[in-house]
Amino acid sequence: MRAFARQMAERMKAVAAAGAVAAFWLAVWVLVAGLVAQPLILPGPGAVVVALLRLVCDAGTWAILAGSGARILAGLALAAVCGVVMAGASVRSLTFARLVAPALSFVKATPVACVVVLLLIWLGSARVSIAAVFLMALPGVYFSLVEGLTQVDQSLEQMFHLHSVRGWRLFCAHTWREVLPFVLSCARAVIGMSWKAGVAAELIGMATGTVGERIYQAKLLIETADLLAWTVLVVAASWVCERVLVWLLRASGPVAWRTAVRAHGHGLRGRTGAASDGAAAELALAVGDRAPWAPALDGLVLHVPAGGRTCVMGASGVGKSTLLALAAGECAPCSMVFQDVRLVEDASALDNVLVCADARVDASSAAALLRLLVPGIDVHARVAELSGGQRRRVEIARALLCPGGAVILDEPFTGLDIAARDACAEVVLDLLDGRMLLLATHDAADARALDISDIITL
């Protein structure tokens, strides 16, 4: 309650500050208009308000504004679609990126007036607004998406791939959430620019029945108050458009995540089916020259039978994680607890488990496992709010509920005391369900807790 009251007080202060700023500039406007004393050059606020009310009360104004807005949004939508396709191609092909980037940089630096004049020659006035918005918005969309896609968290993407979260579910659970901040930043810059470019194209092209035409007529007739009134309408329409689209984009992140969580296990046959695959249930890996940077793995042959348990021991940096990564690639689909934390920080502990879970796992069973592993945990709390040991056990719960014929654990008990480790090990053994277990650790007590006798020392 106190937090809500504090938040409301801060909002009231912000509104009061904005009102004070608006009052200041309104006073400046009144003062300057009085000094100029030429309404044709600079009308006062009262004259502009009268002109604005006259426009607002005219149904034709809204039809014109809607028509111009529709063309601007059409150009913006076209730029968004093309930008997505081109950015995706650029991330996958360096050659394509090298060919496209200079051309879009040139378009980005070209003045709007030059672009509009060329488009008028090529397309005529009827389609110039859409084309101008498209060309002005495309570079911003493209470069923002390329930057976002190149900065996607690769370790999390690897985790999702390993746990069979792919295709549209990977896009919803990971890619879109990672790219969204760049999209929001782009939207704030591009939407306002699109309205400017669209109205400028209409004005230069003299397209009939458009906002640009009305602004040009006001200029010809020296109706400065009407010109300023149309400017206010365009700014308001641009502001509303930006707020609505940014709100929709913000809402799309949680919606995409929830969609991916609800569809967990989509397209998978479940644990039993996965475990019946020979490649998933049994591992025979000749490391050979796959990891020349890890001399301890040279000549090593790792064999874990179906349902077997093997522990790889060694000091830090000797190559245990490398070996487990190679093993995971061989026996996928499988589940894995990585040495480093790989959780979606702003999502709940329960959702982090469910998003990778077997199709037959429901929210109640996942929550029960979390409470068993982490007594007293709020399963709906963001994992960023949990301690290191709690986060580790969330990852163990995720691994136990994922589909696949193998469970791979890389230093799974880091940050846990002896009692917590033994309790977690007991849960792992209870839920292993005949799956292969591969453990990497530097502590022999971890292997004993998981009842592993087959130990490989690096």
Protein backbone atom coordinates (compact mmCIF):
# COMPACT_ATOMS: atom_id res chain seq x y z
CA MET A 1 0.00 0.00 0.00
CA ARG A 2 2.84 2.37 0.85
CA ALA A 3 4.57 1.53 -2.42
CA PHE A 4 1.38 2.31 -4.34
CA ALA A 5 0.96 5.62 -2.51
CA ARG A 6 4.60 6.49 -3.22
CA GLN A 7 4.15 5.64 -6.88
CA MET A 8 1.02 7.77 -7.15
CA ALA A 9 2.81 10.69 -5.44
CA GLU A 10 5.68 10.43 -7.93
CA ARG A 11 3.22 10.44 -10.83
CA MET A 12 1.46 13.50 -9.46
CA LYS A 13 4.79 15.29 -9.16
CA ALA A 14 5.63 14.38 -12.76
CA VAL A 15 2.24 15.67 -13.97
CA ALA A 16 2.68 18.90 -12.00
CA ALA A 17 6.17 19.38 -13.45
CA ALA A 18 4.88 18.81 -16.99
CA GLY A 19 2.06 21.28 -16.40
CA ALA A 20 4.52 23.89 -15.16
CA VAL A 21 6.69 23.45 -18.26
CA ALA A 22 3.63 23.72 -20.54
CA ALA A 23 2.48 26.86 -18.73
CA PHE A 24 5.91 28.42 -19.13
CA TRP A 25 6.03 27.89 -22.90
CA LEU A 26 2.42 29.01 -23.29
CA ALA A 27 3.35 32.26 -21.53
CA VAL A 28 6.34 32.64 -23.85
CA TRP A 29 4.05 32.12 -26.86
CA VAL A 30 1.58 34.76 -25.63
CA LEU A 31 4.42 37.21 -24.99
CA VAL A 32 6.10 36.73 -28.38
CA ALA A 33 2.77 36.87 -30.26
CA GLY A 34 1.99 40.14 -28.45
CA LEU A 35 5.36 41.60 -29.37
CA VAL A 36 5.05 40.58 -33.04
CA ALA A 37 1.46 41.82 -33.20
CA GLN A 38 0.99 40.21 -36.63
CA PRO A 39 -1.56 37.32 -36.54
CA LEU A 40 -0.63 36.34 -40.11
CA ILE A 41 2.95 35.73 -38.96
CA LEU A 42 2.37 34.37 -35.44
CA PRO A 43 -1.19 34.03 -34.19
CA GLY A 44 -1.79 33.80 -30.48
CA PRO A 45 -2.89 30.66 -28.64
CA GLY A 46 -6.53 31.76 -28.69
CA ALA A 47 -6.67 32.00 -32.50
CA VAL A 48 -5.03 28.59 -32.87
CA VAL A 49 -7.47 27.03 -30.39
CA VAL A 50 -10.42 28.46 -32.34
CA ALA A 51 -9.02 27.07 -35.61
CA LEU A 52 -8.35 23.71 -33.93
CA LEU A 53 -11.92 23.49 -32.59
CA ARG A 54 -13.27 24.29 -36.03
CA LEU A 55 -11.22 21.47 -37.54
CA VAL A 56 -12.13 19.01 -34.80
CA CYS A 57 -15.84 19.69 -35.27
CA ASP A 58 -15.59 19.05 -39.02
CA ALA A 59 -16.16 15.39 -39.96
CA GLY A 60 -14.10 15.90 -43.09
CA THR A 61 -11.03 16.60 -40.95
CA TRP A 62 -11.21 13.17 -39.36
CA ALA A 63 -11.66 11.49 -42.74
CA ILE A 64 -8.59 13.27 -44.10
CA LEU A 65 -6.55 12.47 -40.99
CA ALA A 66 -7.64 8.83 -41.08
CA GLY A 67 -6.74 8.51 -44.75
CA SER A 68 -3.28 9.98 -44.26
CA GLY A 69 -2.77 7.87 -41.15
CA ALA A 70 -3.76 4.70 -42.99
CA ARG A 71 -1.21 5.37 -45.73
CA ILE A 72 1.50 6.17 -43.21
CA LEU A 73 0.79 3.00 -41.21
CA ALA A 74 0.75 0.96 -44.43
CA GLY A 75 4.23 2.22 -45.31
CA LEU A 76 5.38 1.57 -41.76
CA ALA A 77 3.97 -1.98 -41.80
CA LEU A 78 5.65 -2.69 -45.12
CA ALA A 79 8.96 -1.43 -43.73
CA ALA A 80 8.54 -3.64 -40.67
CA VAL A 81 7.91 -6.77 -42.73
CA CYS A 82 10.78 -6.11 -45.13
CA GLY A 83 13.07 -5.12 -42.25
CA VAL A 84 12.38 -8.39 -40.42
CA VAL A 85 13.07 -10.48 -43.53
CA MET A 86 16.23 -8.58 -44.43
CA ALA A 87 17.57 -8.55 -40.85
CA GLY A 88 17.03 -12.30 -40.56
CA ALA A 89 18.85 -12.86 -43.84
CA SER A 90 21.71 -10.56 -42.79
CA VAL A 91 22.26 -12.41 -39.52
CA ARG A 92 22.52 -15.68 -41.44
CA SER A 93 24.56 -14.38 -44.38
CA LEU A 94 27.46 -11.97 -43.99
CA THR A 95 27.54 -11.47 -47.77
CA PHE A 96 23.91 -10.33 -47.82
CA ALA A 97 24.58 -7.96 -44.91
CA ARG A 98 27.56 -6.41 -46.70
CA LEU A 99 25.47 -5.84 -49.82
CA VAL A 100 22.41 -4.39 -48.08
CA ALA A 101 23.90 -2.23 -45.33
CA PRO A 102 25.54 0.44 -47.56
CA ALA A 103 22.37 0.92 -49.60
CA LEU A 104 20.21 1.38 -46.50
CA SER A 105 22.79 3.69 -44.94
CA PHE A 106 22.60 5.82 -48.09
CA VAL A 107 18.80 5.93 -47.91
CA LYS A 108 18.97 6.81 -44.23
CA ALA A 109 21.22 9.80 -44.95
CA THR A 110 19.19 11.07 -47.93
CA PRO A 111 16.97 14.12 -47.20
CA VAL A 112 13.25 13.39 -47.18
CA ALA A 113 12.57 16.04 -49.83
CA CYS A 114 14.99 14.40 -52.30
CA VAL A 115 13.40 10.99 -51.73
CA VAL A 116 9.90 12.40 -52.22
CA VAL A 117 10.80 14.18 -55.47
CA LEU A 118 12.31 11.02 -56.92
CA LEU A 119 9.29 8.98 -55.83
CA LEU A 120 6.97 11.52 -57.47
CA ILE A 121 8.80 11.02 -60.74
CA TRP A 122 8.66 7.24 -60.46
CA LEU A 123 5.30 6.59 -58.81
CA GLY A 124 3.13 9.71 -59.01
CA SER A 125 1.42 11.50 -56.14
CA ALA A 126 -1.14 8.80 -55.28
CA ARG A 127 1.38 6.34 -53.85
CA VAL A 128 4.18 8.67 -52.84
CA SER A 129 3.24 8.80 -49.14
CA ILE A 130 3.38 5.04 -48.62
CA ALA A 131 6.64 4.72 -50.54
CA ALA A 132 8.29 7.64 -48.71
CA VAL A 133 7.38 6.25 -45.29
CA PHE A 134 8.59 2.82 -46.33
CA LEU A 135 12.01 4.10 -47.44
CA MET A 136 12.45 6.38 -44.44
CA ALA A 137 11.46 3.72 -41.88
CA LEU A 138 13.19 0.69 -43.42
CA PRO A 139 16.78 1.58 -42.41
CA GLY A 140 15.77 2.19 -38.80
CA VAL A 141 13.86 -1.08 -38.59
CA TYR A 142 16.61 -3.06 -40.30
CA PHE A 143 19.57 -1.79 -38.30
CA SER A 144 17.72 -2.08 -34.97
CA LEU A 145 16.71 -5.67 -35.67
CA VAL A 146 20.19 -6.65 -36.84
CA GLU A 147 21.68 -5.22 -33.66
CA GLY A 148 19.09 -7.01 -31.54
CA LEU A 149 19.54 -10.35 -33.28
CA THR A 150 23.33 -10.23 -33.02
CA GLN A 151 23.08 -9.60 -29.27
CA VAL A 152 20.73 -12.48 -28.49
CA ASP A 153 21.98 -14.46 -25.49
CA GLN A 154 23.61 -17.48 -27.16
CA SER A 155 23.99 -19.46 -23.93
CA LEU A 156 20.24 -19.29 -23.26
CA GLU A 157 19.52 -20.18 -26.87
CA GLN A 158 21.76 -23.23 -26.52
CA MET A 159 19.87 -24.23 -23.38
CA PHE A 160 16.51 -23.96 -25.15
CA HIS A 161 17.75 -25.93 -28.15
CA LEU A 162 19.11 -28.68 -25.95
CA HIS A 163 15.76 -28.96 -24.18
CA SER A 164 13.93 -29.19 -27.54
CA VAL A 165 12.43 -25.68 -27.40
CA ARG A 166 12.66 -24.79 -31.07
CA GLY A 167 10.80 -23.17 -33.95
CA TRP A 168 8.01 -20.79 -33.01
CA ARG A 169 8.34 -21.69 -29.33
CA LEU A 170 12.00 -20.66 -29.33
CA PHE A 171 10.99 -17.39 -31.00
CA CYS A 172 8.31 -16.71 -28.37
CA ALA A 173 10.31 -17.83 -25.35
CA HIS A 174 13.67 -16.35 -26.26
CA THR A 175 14.28 -14.54 -29.54
CA TRP A 176 11.39 -12.07 -29.35
CA ARG A 177 12.04 -11.26 -25.70
CA GLU A 178 15.70 -10.57 -26.46
CA VAL A 179 15.00 -8.41 -29.52
CA LEU A 180 12.02 -6.53 -28.06
CA PRO A 181 14.03 -3.75 -26.32
CA PHE A 182 15.63 -2.88 -29.66
CA VAL A 183 12.23 -2.97 -31.37
CA LEU A 184 10.77 -0.61 -28.76
CA SER A 185 13.65 1.82 -29.16
CA CYS A 186 13.22 1.68 -32.93
CA ALA A 187 9.45 2.22 -32.68
CA ARG A 188 9.85 5.39 -30.62
CA ALA A 189 12.16 6.86 -33.25
CA VAL A 190 10.58 5.54 -36.44
CA ILE A 191 6.87 6.20 -35.83
CA GLY A 192 7.25 9.96 -35.40
CA MET A 193 9.64 10.10 -38.34
CA SER A 194 7.13 8.18 -40.46
CA TRP A 195 4.42 10.77 -39.82
CA LYS A 196 6.83 13.55 -40.76
CA ALA A 197 7.88 11.78 -43.96
CA GLY A 198 4.30 10.88 -44.89
CA VAL A 199 2.90 14.39 -44.44
CA ALA A 200 5.93 15.91 -46.20
CA ALA A 201 5.38 13.57 -49.15
CA GLU A 202 1.70 14.56 -49.33
CA LEU A 203 2.60 18.24 -49.16
CA ILE A 204 5.26 18.09 -51.88
CA GLY A 205 3.20 15.78 -54.07
CA MET A 206 0.00 17.77 -53.58
CA ALA A 207 -1.99 14.57 -53.16
CA THR A 208 -5.68 15.46 -53.01
CA GLY A 209 -7.70 14.85 -49.85
CA THR A 210 -4.67 14.59 -47.59
CA VAL A 211 -3.27 16.40 -44.59
CA GLY A 212 -0.39 17.61 -46.71
CA GLU A 213 -2.78 19.23 -49.18
CA ARG A 214 -4.64 21.07 -46.38
CA ILE A 215 -1.37 22.34 -44.92
CA TYR A 216 -0.31 23.59 -48.37
CA GLN A 217 -3.63 25.37 -48.86
CA ALA A 218 -3.30 27.04 -45.45
CA LYS A 219 0.15 28.20 -46.46
CA LEU A 220 -1.08 29.60 -49.80
CA LEU A 221 -3.93 31.49 -48.13
CA ILE A 222 -1.67 32.61 -45.28
CA GLU A 223 -4.03 31.02 -42.78
CA THR A 224 -1.32 30.61 -40.17
CA ALA A 225 -3.72 29.65 -37.40
CA ASP A 226 -5.14 26.82 -39.54
CA LEU A 227 -1.62 25.72 -40.44
CA LEU A 228 -0.67 25.53 -36.75
CA ALA A 229 -3.96 23.75 -35.96
CA TRP A 230 -3.23 21.07 -38.58
CA THR A 231 0.28 20.78 -37.15
CA VAL A 232 -1.19 20.16 -33.69
CA LEU A 233 -3.49 17.48 -35.12
CA VAL A 234 -0.61 15.72 -36.87
CA VAL A 235 1.55 15.83 -33.72
CA ALA A 236 -1.34 14.47 -31.64
CA ALA A 237 -2.03 11.69 -34.15
CA SER A 238 1.65 10.77 -34.22
CA TRP A 239 1.78 10.76 -30.39
CA VAL A 240 -1.31 8.56 -30.08
CA CYS A 241 -0.04 6.19 -32.77
CA GLU A 242 3.32 5.87 -31.03
CA ARG A 243 1.77 5.25 -27.60
CA VAL A 244 -0.63 2.60 -28.92
CA LEU A 245 1.98 0.72 -30.96
CA VAL A 246 4.57 0.85 -28.17
CA TRP A 247 1.96 -0.45 -25.70
CA LEU A 248 1.10 -3.32 -28.06
CA LEU A 249 4.77 -4.15 -28.50
CA ARG A 250 5.38 -4.10 -24.74
CA ALA A 251 2.40 -6.39 -24.19
CA SER A 252 3.62 -8.79 -26.87
CA GLY A 253 6.64 -9.84 -24.78
CA PRO A 254 4.70 -11.35 -21.85
CA VAL A 255 2.08 -12.74 -24.25
CA ALA A 256 4.74 -14.52 -26.31
CA TRP A 257 6.37 -15.93 -23.18
CA ARG A 258 3.08 -17.19 -21.76
CA THR A 259 2.24 -18.79 -25.11
CA ALA A 260 5.55 -20.66 -25.12
CA VAL A 261 5.06 -21.80 -21.51
CA ARG A 262 1.51 -23.03 -22.10
CA ALA A 263 2.64 -25.00 -25.16
CA HIS A 264 5.46 -26.77 -23.31
CA GLY A 265 6.34 -30.12 -24.81
CA HIS A 266 4.63 -29.17 -28.09
CA GLY A 267 5.65 -31.58 -30.83
CA LEU A 268 7.43 -34.01 -28.48
CA ARG A 269 6.36 -37.55 -27.74
CA GLY A 270 7.19 -37.26 -24.08
CA ARG A 271 9.80 -38.82 -21.83
CA THR A 272 8.93 -42.43 -22.46
CA GLY A 273 9.13 -42.09 -26.22
CA ALA A 274 12.36 -40.17 -26.06
CA ALA A 275 13.93 -42.65 -23.71
CA SER A 276 13.19 -45.50 -26.08
CA ASP A 277 15.45 -44.04 -28.76
CA GLY A 278 18.81 -45.76 -28.70
CA ALA A 279 20.76 -42.55 -29.39
CA ALA A 280 19.05 -40.82 -26.50
CA ALA A 281 19.25 -43.68 -23.98
CA GLU A 282 22.84 -44.83 -24.55
CA LEU A 283 26.01 -42.85 -25.10
CA ALA A 284 29.20 -43.97 -26.83
CA LEU A 285 31.42 -40.96 -27.50
CA ALA A 286 34.96 -41.08 -28.83
CA VAL A 287 36.23 -37.63 -27.97
CA GLY A 288 39.36 -37.97 -30.11
CA ASP A 289 40.36 -34.66 -31.66
CA ARG A 290 37.00 -32.91 -31.03
CA ALA A 291 38.51 -30.78 -28.28
CA PRO A 292 42.20 -30.25 -29.05
CA TRP A 293 42.29 -27.39 -26.51
CA ALA A 294 41.64 -29.91 -23.68
CA PRO A 295 44.61 -32.32 -23.54
CA ALA A 296 42.94 -34.32 -20.75
CA LEU A 297 40.29 -35.48 -23.21
CA ASP A 298 42.76 -36.77 -25.80
CA GLY A 299 42.02 -40.39 -26.60
CA LEU A 300 39.13 -40.57 -24.17
CA VAL A 301 36.18 -42.80 -25.05
CA LEU A 302 33.06 -42.15 -22.97
CA HIS A 303 30.50 -44.94 -22.79
CA VAL A 304 27.37 -44.78 -20.66
CA PRO A 305 24.88 -47.65 -21.07
CA ALA A 306 21.13 -47.19 -21.14
CA GLY A 307 20.03 -46.24 -17.63
CA GLY A 308 23.67 -46.08 -16.50
CA ARG A 309 25.27 -43.53 -14.22
CA THR A 310 28.72 -42.08 -14.82
CA CYS A 311 30.67 -39.34 -13.08
CA VAL A 312 33.47 -37.30 -14.65
CA MET A 313 35.82 -35.89 -12.02
CA GLY A 314 38.68 -33.47 -12.29
CA ALA A 315 39.97 -30.07 -11.32
CA SER A 316 38.46 -26.86 -12.66
CA GLY A 317 39.46 -26.12 -16.24
CA VAL A 318 40.49 -29.65 -17.10
CA GLY A 319 37.70 -30.12 -19.65
CA LYS A 320 34.71 -31.56 -17.78
CA SER A 321 32.22 -29.02 -19.15
CA THR A 322 33.59 -29.49 -22.67
CA LEU A 323 33.10 -33.23 -22.39
CA LEU A 324 29.53 -32.81 -21.14
CA ALA A 325 28.71 -30.37 -23.95
CA LEU A 326 29.93 -32.92 -26.51
CA ALA A 327 27.91 -35.64 -24.78
CA ALA A 328 24.77 -33.48 -24.79
CA GLY A 329 25.10 -32.98 -28.53
CA GLU A 330 25.35 -36.73 -29.06
CA CYS A 331 22.42 -37.83 -26.90
CA ALA A 332 19.91 -35.05 -27.57
CA PRO A 333 17.10 -34.79 -26.74
CA CYS A 334 18.29 -34.66 -23.18
CA SER A 335 18.15 -32.36 -20.18
CA MET A 336 21.07 -30.56 -18.63
CA VAL A 337 22.10 -28.41 -15.70
CA PHE A 338 24.91 -26.20 -17.00
CA GLN A 339 27.84 -25.04 -14.92
CA ASP A 340 26.76 -21.42 -15.38
CA VAL A 341 23.25 -20.26 -14.53
CA ARG A 342 20.92 -20.32 -17.55
CA LEU A 343 17.55 -19.02 -16.48
CA VAL A 344 15.18 -16.38 -17.84
CA GLU A 345 15.81 -13.82 -15.14
CA ASP A 346 12.57 -11.81 -15.35
CA ALA A 347 10.33 -14.90 -15.47
CA SER A 348 9.05 -16.90 -12.51
CA ALA A 349 10.70 -20.03 -11.21
CA LEU A 350 7.64 -22.05 -12.21
CA ASP A 351 7.63 -20.72 -15.77
CA ASN A 352 11.35 -21.40 -16.12
CA VAL A 353 10.64 -25.03 -15.35
CA LEU A 354 7.46 -25.38 -17.40
CA VAL A 355 8.77 -23.80 -20.60
CA CYS A 356 11.15 -26.74 -21.11
CA ALA A 357 9.03 -29.44 -19.47
CA ASP A 358 7.57 -32.63 -20.89
CA ALA A 359 4.10 -32.20 -22.38
CA ARG A 360 2.60 -34.33 -19.63
CA VAL A 361 3.88 -32.09 -16.83
CA ASP A 362 1.29 -29.67 -15.48
CA ALA A 363 1.80 -26.54 -13.40
CA SER A 364 0.78 -28.18 -10.12
CA SER A 365 3.29 -31.03 -10.40
CA ALA A 366 6.07 -28.63 -11.42
CA ALA A 367 5.24 -26.38 -8.47
CA ALA A 368 5.23 -29.38 -6.13
CA LEU A 369 8.70 -30.41 -7.31
CA LEU A 370 10.01 -26.87 -6.83
CA ARG A 371 8.64 -26.74 -3.29
CA LEU A 372 10.21 -30.13 -2.58
CA LEU A 373 13.62 -29.04 -3.82
CA VAL A 374 13.43 -25.49 -2.42
CA PRO A 375 11.36 -25.48 0.78
CA GLY A 376 9.51 -22.20 1.28
CA ILE A 377 10.02 -20.96 -2.28
CA ASP A 378 7.43 -18.72 -3.92
CA VAL A 379 7.17 -20.50 -7.27
CA HIS A 380 5.76 -17.35 -8.86
CA ALA A 381 8.71 -15.20 -7.78
CA ARG A 382 11.11 -13.96 -10.45
CA VAL A 383 14.26 -16.05 -10.45
CA ALA A 384 16.29 -12.83 -10.30
CA GLU A 385 14.96 -12.44 -6.74
CA LEU A 386 16.15 -15.90 -5.64
CA SER A 387 19.46 -16.78 -4.01
CA GLY A 388 22.19 -18.63 -5.87
CA GLY A 389 21.36 -21.95 -4.23
CA GLN A 390 17.65 -21.56 -4.95
CA ARG A 391 18.35 -20.74 -8.60
CA ARG A 392 20.52 -23.84 -8.85
CA ARG A 393 17.72 -26.03 -7.60
CA VAL A 394 15.27 -24.42 -10.05
CA GLU A 395 17.62 -25.60 -12.81
CA ILE A 396 17.69 -29.10 -11.32
CA ALA A 397 13.87 -29.16 -11.29
CA ARG A 398 13.84 -28.07 -14.92
CA ALA A 399 16.26 -30.84 -15.89
CA LEU A 400 14.22 -33.50 -14.11
CA LEU A 401 10.97 -32.53 -15.87
CA CYS A 402 12.40 -32.16 -19.38
CA PRO A 403 11.82 -34.85 -22.01
CA GLY A 404 14.73 -37.01 -23.13
CA GLY A 405 16.59 -40.19 -22.28
CA ALA A 406 19.53 -38.58 -20.48
CA VAL A 407 20.09 -36.19 -17.58
CA ILE A 408 23.41 -34.34 -17.65
CA LEU A 409 24.52 -32.42 -14.56
CA ASP A 410 27.52 -30.08 -14.58
CA GLU A 411 28.47 -29.17 -11.01
CA PRO A 412 24.76 -29.26 -10.06
CA PHE A 413 25.22 -28.73 -6.31
CA THR A 414 27.28 -25.55 -6.45
CA GLY A 415 26.24 -23.19 -3.66
CA LEU A 416 24.36 -25.86 -1.67
CA ASP A 417 25.22 -27.04 1.80
CA ILE A 418 25.51 -30.74 2.60
CA ALA A 419 21.90 -31.14 3.75
CA ALA A 420 20.50 -29.37 0.68
CA ARG A 421 22.79 -31.38 -1.61
CA ASP A 422 21.72 -34.70 -0.12
CA ALA A 423 18.04 -33.73 -0.32
CA CYS A 424 18.43 -32.72 -3.98
CA ALA A 425 20.34 -35.91 -4.79
CA GLU A 426 17.53 -37.98 -3.28
CA VAL A 427 14.96 -36.20 -5.46
CA VAL A 428 17.14 -36.70 -8.56
CA LEU A 429 17.39 -40.44 -7.89
CA ASP A 430 13.64 -40.70 -7.27
CA LEU A 431 12.76 -38.94 -10.55
CA LEU A 432 15.53 -40.31 -12.76
CA ASP A 433 13.01 -42.84 -14.07
CA GLY A 434 15.52 -45.12 -15.79
CA ARG A 435 17.24 -42.34 -17.67
CA MET A 436 20.99 -42.17 -18.18
CA LEU A 437 22.80 -39.90 -15.70
CA LEU A 438 26.07 -38.14 -16.49
CA LEU A 439 27.62 -36.00 -13.77
CA ALA A 440 30.63 -33.69 -13.78
CA THR A 441 32.05 -32.60 -10.45
CA HIS A 442 35.27 -32.00 -8.54
CA ASP A 443 33.79 -33.37 -5.31
CA ALA A 444 33.58 -37.15 -4.81
CA ALA A 445 30.78 -36.60 -2.28
CA ASP A 446 28.49 -35.51 -5.14
CA ALA A 447 29.00 -38.84 -6.87
CA ARG A 448 28.35 -40.75 -3.65
CA ALA A 449 25.17 -38.78 -3.01
CA LEU A 450 23.89 -39.79 -6.46
CA ASP A 451 24.99 -43.41 -5.93
CA ILE A 452 27.44 -43.35 -8.84
CA SER A 453 30.22 -45.90 -8.86
CA ASP A 454 31.43 -45.50 -12.47
CA ILE A 455 33.90 -42.62 -12.14
CA ILE A 456 36.18 -41.22 -14.85
CA THR A 457 39.01 -39.07 -13.55
CA LEU A 458 40.50 -36.48 -15.90
